[in-house]
Every structure is written in structure tokens, then in C-alpha cells.
Protein backbone atom coordinates (compact mmCIF):
# COMPACT_ATOMS: atom_id res chain seq x y z
CA MET A 1 37.91 -30.20 80.68
CA GLN A 2 39.82 -33.18 82.59
CA GLN A 3 37.37 -36.11 83.71
CA LYS A 4 37.37 -37.25 87.26
CA VAL A 5 35.70 -39.24 89.39
CA THR A 6 35.51 -37.00 93.17
CA VAL A 7 34.32 -39.76 96.19
CA LEU A 8 33.15 -38.19 99.27
CA ALA A 9 33.53 -39.92 102.86
CA TRP A 10 31.81 -38.06 106.14
CA VAL A 11 34.96 -38.28 108.29
CA GLU A 12 34.31 -36.63 112.14
CA GLY A 13 31.67 -34.40 110.81
CA LEU A 14 32.78 -33.10 107.51
CA TYR A 15 33.59 -34.59 104.02
CA GLU A 16 36.70 -35.79 102.62
CA GLU A 17 36.92 -35.43 98.96
CA THR A 18 38.89 -37.65 96.80
CA VAL A 19 39.27 -37.39 93.38
CA TYR A 20 40.03 -40.33 90.74
CA GLN A 21 41.50 -40.30 87.27
CA GLY A 22 42.10 -42.51 84.02
CA LYS A 23 43.00 -45.45 85.28
CA ARG A 24 43.28 -45.07 88.72
CA HIS A 25 41.43 -47.48 91.38
CA ILE A 26 38.54 -46.09 92.75
CA SER A 27 38.45 -46.84 97.09
CA SER A 28 35.15 -47.16 98.99
CA LEU A 29 35.05 -47.49 102.37
CA LEU A 30 31.22 -49.09 101.99
CA PHE A 31 31.95 -51.23 98.99
CA GLY A 32 35.51 -52.76 99.99
CA GLU A 33 35.93 -54.91 96.88
CA LEU A 34 34.90 -52.31 94.26
CA GLU A 35 37.30 -52.74 91.13
CA LEU A 36 36.66 -49.98 89.10
CA THR A 37 38.34 -47.74 87.50
CA ALA A 38 37.99 -43.48 86.74
CA ALA A 39 37.89 -44.71 83.52
CA GLN A 40 35.85 -47.39 83.44
CA VAL A 41 33.07 -44.97 85.49
CA LEU A 42 33.19 -42.59 82.83
CA GLU A 43 33.05 -44.65 79.64
CA GLY A 44 29.45 -46.45 81.57
CA ARG A 45 31.24 -50.51 82.11
């Protein structure tokens, strides 16, 4: 089983899903300066 982080964004009445894995940086409309990778979130850093 692969670990992943899923971010949902409300766009025009529907949720759009973006999946992040490994060292891919997570982007957020709400937290524009977020500098975490999926691996860091899953490791609890």
C-alpha cells in the first residue's frame, strides 16, 4: 500500500482532488507559503 496525502479544494461547487506522494511539495490555496512534502506529513514532522 502506498502512502499518500490527498488535498481537496472546493471549486465551482465541487471538490477537486490532488494527490501527493513522496518528496512532492504540497500546494495549498489557503496556506500559500506551505513548504511540506507528502513524506514529511506522513512521517509526522
